[in-house]
Amino acid sequence: MSPIEYSEEIAELLGKVRRRPTAGWPWRPGEQVPDGLPTKQSWGWLFAPDGRVLTLVNPRDGICSLPGGSLEPEDGGDPAAALAREAAEEAQAVIGRPYYLGYLYDRVGSANGGHECARVRMAAALRAVGPSVPDPASGRHYRRLLVAPGLAVELLGWGLPGLRQARAAVATAARWLGVPAAANEAIEELPVEGCTVSQGAVYRGALHPGDGHPGVRG
């Protein structure tokens, strides 16, 4: 097996990584969120053409995450719109059409005031990133890495359930986005000034808030 390639600067960043304890939310692959169970969050596996995914690292505390977050009123109840907005805010990322993967069942409801809820997972093509700036909601200024999905699971600290989720994301991306099932293993930091990652239509959110239909622009 070839060693994973990365720069000295990335090695220093990875040395600060601190993994959160796993929450143990059951993963429901391919299942739609049941009626009556509110969807409170949407997170995405955002794929480059070589199969790597965008993974964010907060250099202050070493916590890694995928782009995504809580649904806001402007998202109109659409997890795909929430993902596109959060990816833009956190990572200045522009994405293609999101594909639904499934959801995590949060029985404790830590994202819903102590009431059960769903945390949706989606997959989409990463089209581009803009100049790196802090997230306006949290003030966090993330470092933006492209890593193989399996390594992303390790950095996130998600264990075997996370690996199952990554496999679902890779299978969907291979089918619908044309990415290879075996990703490039190099770890790359996207430039602070921004760059184009892949060509194609860009997802702009719902055409009308709440209608659930994707707005895609060329």
Foldseek 3Di string as FASTA:
>chain_A
DDDADDDPVVVVLQVQADADPAPPFDWDWPDDDDPPAAAFKEFEFAAFQQQWGKKWAQSVRNAIDTFITTDDVVQLSANQLRRQVRCCLAFVWWWAGKAWTTWTWDPQPPSNPRHIHTHTYIYTYTFKHAAFDARPVPRGGIWIKTAHQVVSCVSNVNPPSSVVSSQSRLVVCCVPVVHDSGGRGYMDTADNRMDTRDDDWTWNHDPDRNPNDTDIGD
